[in-house]
């Protein structure tokens, strides 16, 4: 129960800080996005560090960075595909997911090779 309360308080504090920072910059629509993901990630890493130590947190942080790269490629694919009027939305979504999956598999393979 203590971990839940700490996660709630730390997550709330970090969401507020990042939302405030996001609100200070333009465009304002990034305020919500900038508030959620980084604060949840930081709260999770802080709790993981207190429970599992630095090597575990390093692995988790690396995984978060790789996930961010895969998401960025996926988002770029979504925008690129959505601009193609001749591609049906269902097919476009499937293509964007396939792009994400390929990037994630390549990242995993590269990590497995270097581990």
PDB file of N, CA and C in Angstrom:
ATOM      1  N   UNK A   1       0.826  -1.194   0.000  1.00  0.00           N
ATOM      2  CA  UNK A   1       0.000   0.000   0.000  1.00  0.00           C
ATOM      3  C   UNK A   1       0.866   1.253   0.000  1.00  0.00           C
ATOM      4  N   UNK A   2       2.008   1.171   0.715  1.00  0.00           N
ATOM      5  CA  UNK A   2       2.906   2.322   0.782  1.00  0.00           C
ATOM      6  C   UNK A   2       3.430   2.695  -0.611  1.00  0.00           C
ATOM      7  N   UNK A   3       3.797   1.675  -1.424  1.00  0.00           N
ATOM      8  CA  UNK A   3       4.287   1.932  -2.778  1.00  0.00           C
ATOM      9  C   UNK A   3       3.232   2.612  -3.634  1.00  0.00           C
ATOM     10  N   UNK A   4       1.990   2.195  -3.452  1.00  0.00           N
ATOM     11  CA  UNK A   4       0.896   2.798  -4.213  1.00  0.00           C
ATOM     12  C   UNK A   4       0.755   4.279  -3.870  1.00  0.00           C
ATOM     13  N   UNK A   5       0.831   4.609  -2.603  1.00  0.00           N
ATOM     14  CA  UNK A   5       0.700   6.006  -2.170  1.00  0.00           C
ATOM     15  C   UNK A   5       1.874   6.834  -2.678  1.00  0.00           C
ATOM     16  N   UNK A   6       3.084   6.295  -2.570  1.00  0.00           N
ATOM     17  CA  UNK A   6       4.265   7.006  -3.062  1.00  0.00           C
ATOM     18  C   UNK A   6       4.159   7.225  -4.569  1.00  0.00           C
ATOM     19  N   UNK A   7       3.766   6.196  -5.305  1.00  0.00           N
ATOM     20  CA  UNK A   7       3.613   6.310  -6.755  1.00  0.00           C
ATOM     21  C   UNK A   7       2.562   7.361  -7.102  1.00  0.00           C
ATOM     22  N   UNK A   8       1.457   7.364  -6.374  1.00  0.00           N
ATOM     23  CA  UNK A   8       0.391   8.331  -6.609  1.00  0.00           C
ATOM     24  C   UNK A   8       0.882   9.757  -6.363  1.00  0.00           C
ATOM     25  N   UNK A   9       1.543   9.977  -5.243  1.00  0.00           N
ATOM     26  CA  UNK A   9       2.013  11.325  -4.903  1.00  0.00           C
ATOM     27  C   UNK A   9       3.124  11.784  -5.842  1.00  0.00           C
ATOM     28  N   UNK A  10       4.095  10.921  -6.080  1.00  0.00           N
ATOM     29  CA  UNK A  10       5.200  11.272  -6.957  1.00  0.00           C
ATOM     30  C   UNK A  10       4.707  11.488  -8.389  1.00  0.00           C
ATOM     31  N   UNK A  11       3.841  10.612  -8.862  1.00  0.00           N
ATOM     32  CA  UNK A  11       3.289  10.763 -10.205  1.00  0.00           C
ATOM     33  C   UNK A  11       2.487  12.047 -10.341  1.00  0.00           C
ATOM     34  N   UNK A  12       1.674  12.363  -9.337  1.00  0.00           N
ATOM     35  CA  UNK A  12       0.888  13.594  -9.374  1.00  0.00           C
ATOM     36  C   UNK A  12       1.756  14.830  -9.378  1.00  0.00           C
ATOM     37  N   UNK A  13       2.790  14.816  -8.565  1.00  0.00           N
ATOM     38  CA  UNK A  13       3.710  15.953  -8.511  1.00  0.00           C
ATOM     39  C   UNK A  13       4.418  16.137  -9.851  1.00  0.00           C
ATOM     40  N   UNK A  14       4.918  15.050 -10.409  1.00  0.00           N
ATOM     41  CA  UNK A  14       5.644  15.142 -11.674  1.00  0.00           C
ATOM     42  C   UNK A  14       4.723  15.509 -12.840  1.00  0.00           C
ATOM     43  N   UNK A  15       3.501  14.986 -12.841  1.00  0.00           N
ATOM     44  CA  UNK A  15       2.549  15.374 -13.888  1.00  0.00           C
ATOM     45  C   UNK A  15       2.295  16.873 -13.816  1.00  0.00           C
ATOM     46  N   UNK A  16       2.141  17.395 -12.610  1.00  0.00           N
ATOM     47  CA  UNK A  16       1.900  18.833 -12.447  1.00  0.00           C
ATOM     48  C   UNK A  16       3.085  19.662 -12.934  1.00  0.00           C
ATOM     49  N   UNK A  17       4.294  19.237 -12.599  1.00  0.00           N
ATOM     50  CA  UNK A  17       5.493  19.974 -13.023  1.00  0.00           C
ATOM     51  C   UNK A  17       5.621  19.958 -14.542  1.00  0.00           C
ATOM     52  N   UNK A  18       5.474  18.785 -15.159  1.00  0.00           N
ATOM     53  CA  UNK A  18       5.601  18.708 -16.609  1.00  0.00           C
ATOM     54  C   UNK A  18       4.453  19.424 -17.322  1.00  0.00           C
ATOM     55  N   UNK A  19       3.247  19.375 -16.751  1.00  0.00           N
ATOM     56  CA  UNK A  19       2.134  20.097 -17.364  1.00  0.00           C
ATOM     57  C   UNK A  19       2.384  21.603 -17.304  1.00  0.00           C
ATOM     58  N   UNK A  20       2.937  22.064 -16.202  1.00  0.00           N
ATOM     59  CA  UNK A  20       3.270  23.480 -16.078  1.00  0.00           C
ATOM     60  C   UNK A  20       4.336  23.875 -17.100  1.00  0.00           C
ATOM     61  N   UNK A  21       5.353  23.050 -17.248  1.00  0.00           N
ATOM     62  CA  UNK A  21       6.391  23.323 -18.246  1.00  0.00           C
ATOM     63  C   UNK A  21       5.809  23.300 -19.656  1.00  0.00           C
ATOM     64  N   UNK A  22       4.937  22.333 -19.929  1.00  0.00           N
ATOM     65  CA  UNK A  22       4.318  22.250 -21.237  1.00  0.00           C
ATOM     66  C   UNK A  22       3.414  23.429 -21.524  1.00  0.00           C
ATOM     67  N   UNK A  23       2.798  23.967 -20.490  1.00  0.00           N
ATOM     68  CA  UNK A  23       1.916  25.118 -20.654  1.00  0.00           C
ATOM     69  C   UNK A  23       2.701  26.394 -20.953  1.00  0.00           C
ATOM     70  N   UNK A  24       3.962  26.426 -20.581  1.00  0.00           N
ATOM     71  CA  UNK A  24       4.785  27.609 -20.802  1.00  0.00           C
ATOM     72  C   UNK A  24       5.254  27.715 -22.251  1.00  0.00           C
ATOM     73  N   UNK A  25       5.218  26.625 -22.989  1.00  0.00           N
ATOM     74  CA  UNK A  25       5.721  26.623 -24.356  1.00  0.00           C
ATOM     75  C   UNK A  25       4.578  26.544 -25.358  1.00  0.00           C
ATOM     76  N   UNK A  26       4.883  26.846 -26.612  1.00  0.00           N
ATOM     77  CA  UNK A  26       3.890  26.816 -27.683  1.00  0.00           C
ATOM     78  C   UNK A  26       4.088  25.557 -28.504  1.00  0.00           C
ATOM     79  N   UNK A  27       3.143  24.945 -29.105  1.00  0.00           N
ATOM     80  CA  UNK A  27       1.724  25.195 -28.946  1.00  0.00           C
ATOM     81  C   UNK A  27       1.210  24.584 -27.657  1.00  0.00           C
ATOM     82  N   UNK A  28       0.125  25.089 -27.162  1.00  0.00           N
ATOM     83  CA  UNK A  28      -0.425  24.668 -25.873  1.00  0.00           C
ATOM     84  C   UNK A  28      -0.926  23.228 -25.892  1.00  0.00           C
ATOM     85  N   UNK A  29      -1.221  22.701 -27.066  1.00  0.00           N
ATOM     86  CA  UNK A  29      -1.752  21.333 -27.110  1.00  0.00           C
ATOM     87  C   UNK A  29      -0.742  20.303 -26.632  1.00  0.00           C
ATOM     88  N   UNK A  30       0.529  20.669 -26.555  1.00  0.00           N
ATOM     89  CA  UNK A  30       1.541  19.738 -26.068  1.00  0.00           C
ATOM     90  C   UNK A  30       1.584  19.664 -24.541  1.00  0.00           C
ATOM     91  N   UNK A  31       0.856  20.539 -23.858  1.00  0.00           N
ATOM     92  CA  UNK A  31       0.920  20.577 -22.394  1.00  0.00           C
ATOM     93  C   UNK A  31       0.472  19.256 -21.781  1.00  0.00           C
ATOM     94  N   UNK A  32      -0.628  18.697 -22.245  1.00  0.00           N
ATOM     95  CA  UNK A  32      -1.103  17.433 -21.695  1.00  0.00           C
ATOM     96  C   UNK A  32      -0.186  16.272 -22.018  1.00  0.00           C
ATOM     97  N   UNK A  33       0.276  16.223 -23.249  1.00  0.00           N
ATOM     98  CA  UNK A  33       1.172  15.146 -23.672  1.00  0.00           C
ATOM     99  C   UNK A  33       2.487  15.207 -22.905  1.00  0.00           C
ATOM    100  N   UNK A  34       3.023  16.420 -22.756  1.00  0.00           N
ATOM    101  CA  UNK A  34       4.295  16.587 -22.059  1.00  0.00           C
ATOM    102  C   UNK A  34       4.139  16.304 -20.577  1.00  0.00           C
ATOM    103  N   UNK A  35       2.930  16.397 -20.054  1.00  0.00           N
ATOM    104  CA  UNK A  35       2.716  16.169 -18.631  1.00  0.00           C
ATOM    105  C   UNK A  35       2.636  14.709 -18.258  1.00  0.00           C
ATOM    106  N   UNK A  36       2.107  13.886 -19.127  1.00  0.00           N
ATOM    107  CA  UNK A  36       1.813  12.513 -18.747  1.00  0.00           C
ATOM    108  C   UNK A  36       3.001  11.564 -18.856  1.00  0.00           C
ATOM    109  N   UNK A  37       3.516  11.368 -20.050  1.00  0.00           N
ATOM    110  CA  UNK A  37       4.513  10.319 -20.269  1.00  0.00           C
ATOM    111  C   UNK A  37       5.799  10.499 -19.472  1.00  0.00           C
ATOM    112  N   UNK A  38       6.438  11.659 -19.509  1.00  0.00           N
ATOM    113  CA  UNK A  38       7.693  11.780 -18.766  1.00  0.00           C
ATOM    114  C   UNK A  38       7.512  11.630 -17.254  1.00  0.00           C
ATOM    115  N   UNK A  39       6.418  12.138 -16.736  1.00  0.00           N
ATOM    116  CA  UNK A  39       6.235  12.063 -15.292  1.00  0.00           C
ATOM    117  C   UNK A  39       5.954  10.644 -14.831  1.00  0.00           C
ATOM    118  N   UNK A  40       5.184   9.899 -15.597  1.00  0.00           N
ATOM    119  CA  UNK A  40       4.936   8.504 -15.242  1.00  0.00           C
ATOM    120  C   UNK A  40       6.233   7.706 -15.341  1.00  0.00           C
ATOM    121  N   UNK A  41       7.020   7.976 -16.377  1.00  0.00           N
ATOM    122  CA  UNK A  41       8.296   7.271 -16.539  1.00  0.00           C
ATOM    123  C   UNK A  41       9.244   7.583 -15.383  1.00  0.00           C
ATOM    124  N   UNK A  42       9.360   8.848 -15.019  1.00  0.00           N
ATOM    125  CA  UNK A  42      10.256   9.217 -13.921  1.00  0.00           C
ATOM    126  C   UNK A  42       9.801   8.631 -12.593  1.00  0.00           C
ATOM    127  N   UNK A  43       8.498   8.652 -12.347  1.00  0.00           N
ATOM    128  CA  UNK A  43       7.985   8.061 -11.104  1.00  0.00           C
ATOM    129  C   UNK A  43       8.260   6.566 -11.067  1.00  0.00           C
ATOM    130  N   UNK A  44       8.060   5.896 -12.184  1.00  0.00           N
ATOM    131  CA  UNK A  44       8.325   4.453 -12.253  1.00  0.00           C
ATOM    132  C   UNK A  44       9.800   4.146 -12.038  1.00  0.00           C
ATOM    133  N   UNK A  45      10.673   4.942 -12.662  1.00  0.00           N
ATOM    134  CA  UNK A  45      12.113   4.715 -12.492  1.00  0.00           C
ATOM    135  C   UNK A  45      12.563   4.987 -11.060  1.00  0.00           C
ATOM    136  N   UNK A  46      12.008   6.015 -10.434  1.00  0.00           N
ATOM    137  CA  UNK A  46      12.370   6.318  -9.045  1.00  0.00           C
ATOM    138  C   UNK A  46      11.966   5.180  -8.113  1.00  0.00           C
ATOM    139  N   UNK A  47      10.767   4.651  -8.298  1.00  0.00           N
ATOM    140  CA  UNK A  47      10.328   3.530  -7.467  1.00  0.00           C
ATOM    141  C   UNK A  47      11.130   2.270  -7.771  1.00  0.00           C
ATOM    142  N   UNK A  48      11.429   2.039  -9.032  1.00  0.00           N
ATOM    143  CA  UNK A  48      12.228   0.869  -9.396  1.00  0.00           C
ATOM    144  C   UNK A  48      13.619   0.948  -8.782  1.00  0.00           C
ATOM    145  N   UNK A  49      14.182   2.152  -8.759  1.00  0.00           N
ATOM    146  CA  UNK A  49      15.509   2.322  -8.168  1.00  0.00           C
ATOM    147  C   UNK A  49      15.481   1.992  -6.682  1.00  0.00           C
ATOM    148  N   UNK A  50      14.451   2.442  -6.000  1.00  0.00           N
ATOM    149  CA  UNK A  50      14.374   2.186  -4.553  1.00  0.00           C
ATOM    150  C   UNK A  50      14.149   0.710  -4.247  1.00  0.00           C
ATOM    151  N   UNK A  51      13.540  -0.015  -5.176  1.00  0.00           N
ATOM    152  CA  UNK A  51      13.243  -1.427  -4.934  1.00  0.00           C
ATOM    153  C   UNK A  51      14.255  -2.394  -5.546  1.00  0.00           C
ATOM    154  N   UNK A  52      14.852  -2.013  -6.696  1.00  0.00           N
ATOM    155  CA  UNK A  52      15.680  -2.984  -7.424  1.00  0.00           C
ATOM    156  C   UNK A  52      17.114  -2.544  -7.678  1.00  0.00           C
ATOM    157  N   UNK A  53      17.426  -1.271  -7.536  1.00  0.00           N
ATOM    158  CA  UNK A  53      18.787  -0.813  -7.737  1.00  0.00           C
ATOM    159  C   UNK A  53      19.056  -0.237  -9.120  1.00  0.00           C
ATOM    160  N   UNK A  54      20.290   0.220  -9.277  1.00  0.00           N
ATOM    161  CA  UNK A  54      20.673   0.986 -10.469  1.00  0.00           C
ATOM    162  C   UNK A  54      20.706   0.154 -11.745  1.00  0.00           C
ATOM    163  N   UNK A  55      21.179  -1.079 -11.696  1.00  0.00           N
ATOM    164  CA  UNK A  55      21.284  -1.867 -12.926  1.00  0.00           C
ATOM    165  C   UNK A  55      19.903  -2.169 -13.497  1.00  0.00           C
ATOM    166  N   UNK A  56      18.939  -2.420 -12.650  1.00  0.00           N
ATOM    167  CA  UNK A  56      17.566  -2.660 -13.104  1.00  0.00           C
ATOM    168  C   UNK A  56      16.988  -1.407 -13.750  1.00  0.00           C
ATOM    169  N   UNK A  57      17.230  -0.258 -13.119  1.00  0.00           N
ATOM    170  CA  UNK A  57      16.722   1.005 -13.651  1.00  0.00           C
ATOM    171  C   UNK A  57      17.386   1.340 -14.984  1.00  0.00           C
ATOM    172  N   UNK A  58      18.660   1.032 -15.130  1.00  0.00           N
ATOM    173  CA  UNK A  58      19.348   1.276 -16.397  1.00  0.00           C
ATOM    174  C   UNK A  58      18.703   0.469 -17.525  1.00  0.00           C
ATOM    175  N   UNK A  59      18.369  -0.787 -17.251  1.00  0.00           N
ATOM    176  CA  UNK A  59      17.708  -1.629 -18.241  1.00  0.00           C
ATOM    177  C   UNK A  59      16.324  -1.080 -18.582  1.00  0.00           C
ATOM    178  N   UNK A  60      15.578  -0.674 -17.571  1.00  0.00           N
ATOM    179  CA  UNK A  60      14.250  -0.111 -17.791  1.00  0.00           C
ATOM    180  C   UNK A  60      14.322   1.196 -18.585  1.00  0.00           C
ATOM    181  N   UNK A  61      15.266   2.045 -18.265  1.00  0.00           N
ATOM    182  CA  UNK A  61      15.416   3.325 -18.971  1.00  0.00           C
ATOM    183  C   UNK A  61      15.790   3.090 -20.433  1.00  0.00           C
ATOM    184  N   UNK A  62      16.675   2.144 -20.668  1.00  0.00           N
ATOM    185  CA  UNK A  62      17.049   1.822 -22.052  1.00  0.00           C
ATOM    186  C   UNK A  62      15.837   1.315 -22.817  1.00  0.00           C
ATOM    187  N   UNK A  63      15.023   0.501 -22.179  1.00  0.00           N
ATOM    188  CA  UNK A  63      13.809   0.000 -22.814  1.00  0.00           C
ATOM    189  C   UNK A  63      12.843   1.133 -23.120  1.00  0.00           C
ATOM    190  N   UNK A  64      12.758   2.102 -22.225  1.00  0.00           N
ATOM    191  CA  UNK A  64      11.885   3.255 -22.464  1.00  0.00           C
ATOM    192  C   UNK A  64      12.369   4.076 -23.657  1.00  0.00           C
ATOM    193  N   UNK A  65      13.667   4.244 -23.770  1.00  0.00           N
ATOM    194  CA  UNK A  65      14.225   4.997 -24.903  1.00  0.00           C
ATOM    195  C   UNK A  65      13.933   4.267 -26.213  1.00  0.00           C
ATOM    196  N   UNK A  66      14.136   2.966 -26.233  1.00  0.00           N
ATOM    197  CA  UNK A  66      13.849   2.197 -27.445  1.00  0.00           C
ATOM    198  C   UNK A  66      12.366   2.218 -27.782  1.00  0.00           C
ATOM    199  N   UNK A  67      11.524   2.157 -26.767  1.00  0.00           N
ATOM    200  CA  UNK A  67      10.090   2.265 -26.999  1.00  0.00           C
ATOM    201  C   UNK A  67       9.711   3.620 -27.575  1.00  0.00           C
ATOM    202  N   UNK A  68      10.389   4.654 -27.118  1.00  0.00           N
ATOM    203  CA  UNK A  68      10.142   6.000 -27.637  1.00  0.00           C
ATOM    204  C   UNK A  68      10.527   6.092 -29.109  1.00  0.00           C
ATOM    205  N   UNK A  69      11.641   5.496 -29.465  1.00  0.00           N
ATOM    206  CA  UNK A  69      12.066   5.502 -30.871  1.00  0.00           C
ATOM    207  C   UNK A  69      11.040   4.774 -31.734  1.00  0.00           C
ATOM    208  N   UNK A  70      10.597   3.603 -31.279  1.00  0.00           N
ATOM    209  CA  UNK A  70       9.593   2.850 -32.045  1.00  0.00           C
ATOM    210  C   UNK A  70       8.295   3.642 -32.163  1.00  0.00           C
ATOM    211  N   UNK A  71       7.898   4.322 -31.094  1.00  0.00           N
ATOM    212  CA  UNK A  71       6.678   5.129 -31.145  1.00  0.00           C
ATOM    213  C   UNK A  71       6.823   6.306 -32.105  1.00  0.00           C
ATOM    214  N   UNK A  72       7.989   6.941 -32.106  1.00  0.00           N
ATOM    215  CA  UNK A  72       8.226   8.067 -33.008  1.00  0.00           C
ATOM    216  C   UNK A  72       8.135   7.622 -34.466  1.00  0.00           C
ATOM    217  N   UNK A  73       8.719   6.485 -34.780  1.00  0.00           N
ATOM    218  CA  UNK A  73       8.643   5.951 -36.145  1.00  0.00           C
ATOM    219  C   UNK A  73       7.194   5.605 -36.479  1.00  0.00           C
ATOM    220  N   UNK A  74       6.475   5.013 -35.531  1.00  0.00           N
ATOM    221  CA  UNK A  74       5.059   4.678 -35.726  1.00  0.00           C
ATOM    222  C   UNK A  74       4.234   5.937 -35.987  1.00  0.00           C
ATOM    223  N   UNK A  75       4.432   6.982 -35.184  1.00  0.00           N
ATOM    224  CA  UNK A  75       3.685   8.225 -35.355  1.00  0.00           C
ATOM    225  C   UNK A  75       3.984   8.864 -36.713  1.00  0.00           C
ATOM    226  N   UNK A  76       5.234   8.819 -37.111  1.00  0.00           N
ATOM    227  CA  UNK A  76       5.612   9.346 -38.426  1.00  0.00           C
ATOM    228  C   UNK A  76       4.943   8.541 -39.537  1.00  0.00           C
ATOM    229  N   UNK A  77       4.904   7.233 -39.370  1.00  0.00           N
ATOM    230  CA  UNK A  77       4.231   6.387 -40.362  1.00  0.00           C
ATOM    231  C   UNK A  77       2.739   6.700 -40.405  1.00  0.00           C
ATOM    232  N   UNK A  78       2.125   6.925 -39.257  1.00  0.00           N
ATOM    233  CA  UNK A  78       0.698   7.270 -39.217  1.00  0.00           C
ATOM    234  C   UNK A  78       0.411   8.537 -40.011  1.00  0.00           C
ATOM    235  N   UNK A  79       1.219   9.552 -39.787  1.00  0.00           N
ATOM    236  CA  UNK A  79       1.021  10.822 -40.495  1.00  0.00           C
ATOM    237  C   UNK A  79       1.242  10.633 -41.995  1.00  0.00           C
ATOM    238  N   UNK A  80       2.291   9.948 -42.350  1.00  0.00           N
ATOM    239  CA  UNK A  80       2.607   9.730 -43.766  1.00  0.00           C
ATOM    240  C   UNK A  80       1.506   8.934 -44.462  1.00  0.00           C
ATOM    241  N   UNK A  81       1.041   7.889 -43.820  1.00  0.00           N
ATOM    242  CA  UNK A  81       0.002   7.042 -44.410  1.00  0.00           C
ATOM    243  C   UNK A  81      -1.333   7.792 -44.467  1.00  0.00           C
ATOM    244  N   UNK A  82      -1.648   8.546 -43.419  1.00  0.00           N
ATOM    245  CA  UNK A  82      -2.920   9.278 -43.386  1.00  0.00           C
ATOM    246  C   UNK A  82      -3.009  10.323 -44.500  1.00  0.00           C
ATOM    247  N   UNK A  83      -1.898  10.817 -44.955  1.00  0.00           N
ATOM    248  CA  UNK A  83      -1.890  11.802 -46.046  1.00  0.00           C
ATOM    249  C   UNK A  83      -2.185  11.169 -47.402  1.00  0.00           C
ATOM    250  N   UNK A  84      -2.090   9.860 -47.479  1.00  0.00           N
ATOM    251  CA  UNK A  84      -2.373   9.140 -48.728  1.00  0.00           C
ATOM    252  C   UNK A  84      -3.875   8.849 -48.768  1.00  0.00           C
ATOM    253  N   UNK A  85      -4.600   9.594 -49.534  1.00  0.00           N
ATOM    254  CA  UNK A  85      -6.064   9.478 -49.565  1.00  0.00           C
ATOM    255  C   UNK A  85      -6.542   8.149 -50.157  1.00  0.00           C
ATOM    256  N   UNK A  86      -5.725   7.497 -50.924  1.00  0.00           N
ATOM    257  CA  UNK A  86      -6.153   6.263 -51.581  1.00  0.00           C
ATOM    258  C   UNK A  86      -6.031   5.034 -50.673  1.00  0.00           C
ATOM    259  N   UNK A  87      -5.419   5.175 -49.511  1.00  0.00           N
ATOM    260  CA  UNK A  87      -5.250   4.038 -48.602  1.00  0.00           C
ATOM    261  C   UNK A  87      -6.396   4.053 -47.580  1.00  0.00           C
ATOM    262  N   UNK A  88      -7.194   2.973 -47.508  1.00  0.00           N
ATOM    263  CA  UNK A  88      -8.282   2.907 -46.519  1.00  0.00           C
ATOM    264  C   UNK A  88      -7.727   2.972 -45.090  1.00  0.00           C
ATOM    265  N   UNK A  89      -8.512   3.509 -44.177  1.00  0.00           N
ATOM    266  CA  UNK A  89      -8.033   3.741 -42.813  1.00  0.00           C
ATOM    267  C   UNK A  89      -7.611   2.449 -42.107  1.00  0.00           C
ATOM    268  N   UNK A  90      -8.347   1.378 -42.319  1.00  0.00           N
ATOM    269  CA  UNK A  90      -7.983   0.101 -41.696  1.00  0.00           C
ATOM    270  C   UNK A  90      -6.648  -0.423 -42.191  1.00  0.00           C
ATOM    271  N   UNK A  91      -6.452  -0.338 -43.487  1.00  0.00           N
ATOM    272  CA  UNK A  91      -5.174  -0.761 -44.074  1.00  0.00           C
ATOM    273  C   UNK A  91      -4.047   0.153 -43.595  1.00  0.00           C
ATOM    274  N   UNK A  92      -4.330   1.447 -43.529  1.00  0.00           N
ATOM    275  CA  UNK A  92      -3.321   2.394 -43.048  1.00  0.00           C
ATOM    276  C   UNK A  92      -2.906   2.100 -41.612  1.00  0.00           C
ATOM    277  N   UNK A  93      -3.883   1.797 -40.761  1.00  0.00           N
ATOM    278  CA  UNK A  93      -3.571   1.454 -39.369  1.00  0.00           C
ATOM    279  C   UNK A  93      -2.731   0.181 -39.302  1.00  0.00           C
ATOM    280  N   UNK A  94      -3.109  -0.810 -40.104  1.00  0.00           N
ATOM    281  CA  UNK A  94      -2.348  -2.069 -40.119  1.00  0.00           C
ATOM    282  C   UNK A  94      -0.918  -1.840 -40.599  1.00  0.00           C
ATOM    283  N   UNK A  95      -0.752  -0.999 -41.609  1.00  0.00           N
ATOM    284  CA  UNK A  95       0.597  -0.695 -42.107  1.00  0.00           C
ATOM    285  C   UNK A  95       1.426   0.018 -41.042  1.00  0.00           C
ATOM    286  N   UNK A  96       0.816   0.982 -40.353  1.00  0.00           N
ATOM    287  CA  UNK A  96       1.543   1.711 -39.312  1.00  0.00           C
ATOM    288  C   UNK A  96       1.937   0.761 -38.176  1.00  0.00           C
ATOM    289  N   UNK A  97       1.045  -0.149 -37.795  1.00  0.00           N
ATOM    290  CA  UNK A  97       1.381  -1.130 -36.761  1.00  0.00           C
ATOM    291  C   UNK A  97       2.514  -2.041 -37.224  1.00  0.00           C
ATOM    292  N   UNK A  98       2.480  -2.419 -38.499  1.00  0.00           N
ATOM    293  CA  UNK A  98       3.542  -3.270 -39.035  1.00  0.00           C
ATOM    294  C   UNK A  98       4.891  -2.544 -38.978  1.00  0.00           C
ATOM    295  N   UNK A  99       4.881  -1.253 -39.288  1.00  0.00           N
ATOM    296  CA  UNK A  99       6.116  -0.455 -39.201  1.00  0.00           C
ATOM    297  C   UNK A  99       6.623  -0.465 -37.756  1.00  0.00           C
ATOM    298  N   UNK A 100       5.721  -0.239 -36.809  1.00  0.00           N
ATOM    299  CA  UNK A 100       6.124  -0.245 -35.392  1.00  0.00           C
ATOM    300  C   UNK A 100       6.703  -1.607 -35.009  1.00  0.00           C
ATOM    301  N   UNK A 101       6.030  -2.673 -35.416  1.00  0.00           N
ATOM    302  CA  UNK A 101       6.486  -4.015 -35.064  1.00  0.00           C
ATOM    303  C   UNK A 101       7.867  -4.301 -35.642  1.00  0.00           C
ATOM    304  N   UNK A 102       8.098  -3.903 -36.875  1.00  0.00           N
ATOM    305  CA  UNK A 102       9.408  -4.116 -37.502  1.00  0.00           C
ATOM    306  C   UNK A 102      10.495  -3.367 -36.734  1.00  0.00           C
ATOM    307  N   UNK A 103      10.232  -2.108 -36.386  1.00  0.00           N
ATOM    308  CA  UNK A 103      11.214  -1.323 -35.629  1.00  0.00           C
ATOM    309  C   UNK A 103      11.478  -1.977 -34.281  1.00  0.00           C
ATOM    310  N   UNK A 104      10.431  -2.394 -33.584  1.00  0.00           N
ATOM    311  CA  UNK A 104      10.599  -3.020 -32.267  1.00  0.00           C
ATOM    312  C   UNK A 104      11.397  -4.317 -32.366  1.00  0.00           C
ATOM    313  N   UNK A 105      11.129  -5.119 -33.378  1.00  0.00           N
ATOM    314  CA  UNK A 105      11.867  -6.381 -33.556  1.00  0.00           C
ATOM    315  C   UNK A 105      13.333  -6.101 -33.873  1.00  0.00           C
ATOM    316  N   UNK A 106      13.589  -5.125 -34.728  1.00  0.00           N
ATOM    317  CA  UNK A 106      14.981  -4.778 -35.055  1.00  0.00           C
ATOM    318  C   UNK A 106      15.706  -4.284 -33.799  1.00  0.00           C
ATOM    319  N   UNK A 107      15.053  -3.438 -33.027  1.00  0.00           N
ATOM    320  CA  UNK A 107      15.684  -2.959 -31.782  1.00  0.00           C
ATOM    321  C   UNK A 107      15.990  -4.123 -30.852  1.00  0.00           C
ATOM    322  N   UNK A 108      15.045  -5.042 -30.710  1.00  0.00           N
ATOM    323  CA  UNK A 108      15.244  -6.195 -29.844  1.00  0.00           C
ATOM    324  C   UNK A 108      16.399  -7.060 -30.348  1.00  0.00           C
ATOM    325  N   UNK A 109      16.456  -7.273 -31.659  1.00  0.00           N
ATOM    326  CA  UNK A 109      17.528  -8.091 -32.239  1.00  0.00           C
ATOM    327  C   UNK A 109      18.887  -7.459 -32.027  1.00  0.00           C
ATOM    328  N   UNK A 110      18.959  -6.139 -32.194  1.00  0.00           N
ATOM    329  CA  UNK A 110      20.236  -5.443 -31.982  1.00  0.00           C
ATOM    330  C   UNK A 110      20.658  -5.558 -30.513  1.00  0.00           C
ATOM    331  N   UNK A 111      19.722  -5.382 -29.604  1.00  0.00           N
ATOM    332  CA  UNK A 111      20.050  -5.525 -28.185  1.00  0.00           C
ATOM    333  C   UNK A 111      20.479  -6.935 -27.839  1.00  0.00           C
ATOM    334  N   UNK A 112      19.766  -7.918 -28.371  1.00  0.00           N
ATOM    335  CA  UNK A 112      20.097  -9.322 -28.089  1.00  0.00           C
ATOM    336  C   UNK A 112      21.484  -9.668 -28.611  1.00  0.00           C
ATOM    337  N   UNK A 113      21.845  -9.069 -29.731  1.00  0.00           N
ATOM    338  CA  UNK A 113      23.150  -9.338 -30.315  1.00  0.00           C
ATOM    339  C   UNK A 113      24.286  -8.740 -29.497  1.00  0.00           C
ATOM    340  N   UNK A 114      24.020  -7.589 -28.877  1.00  0.00           N
ATOM    341  CA  UNK A 114      25.060  -6.896 -28.106  1.00  0.00           C
ATOM    342  C   UNK A 114      25.057  -7.272 -26.629  1.00  0.00           C
ATOM    343  N   UNK A 115      24.140  -8.104 -26.218  1.00  0.00           N
ATOM    344  CA  UNK A 115      24.051  -8.469 -24.794  1.00  0.00           C
ATOM    345  C   UNK A 115      25.003  -9.577 -24.437  1.00  0.00           C
TER     346      UNK A 115
END
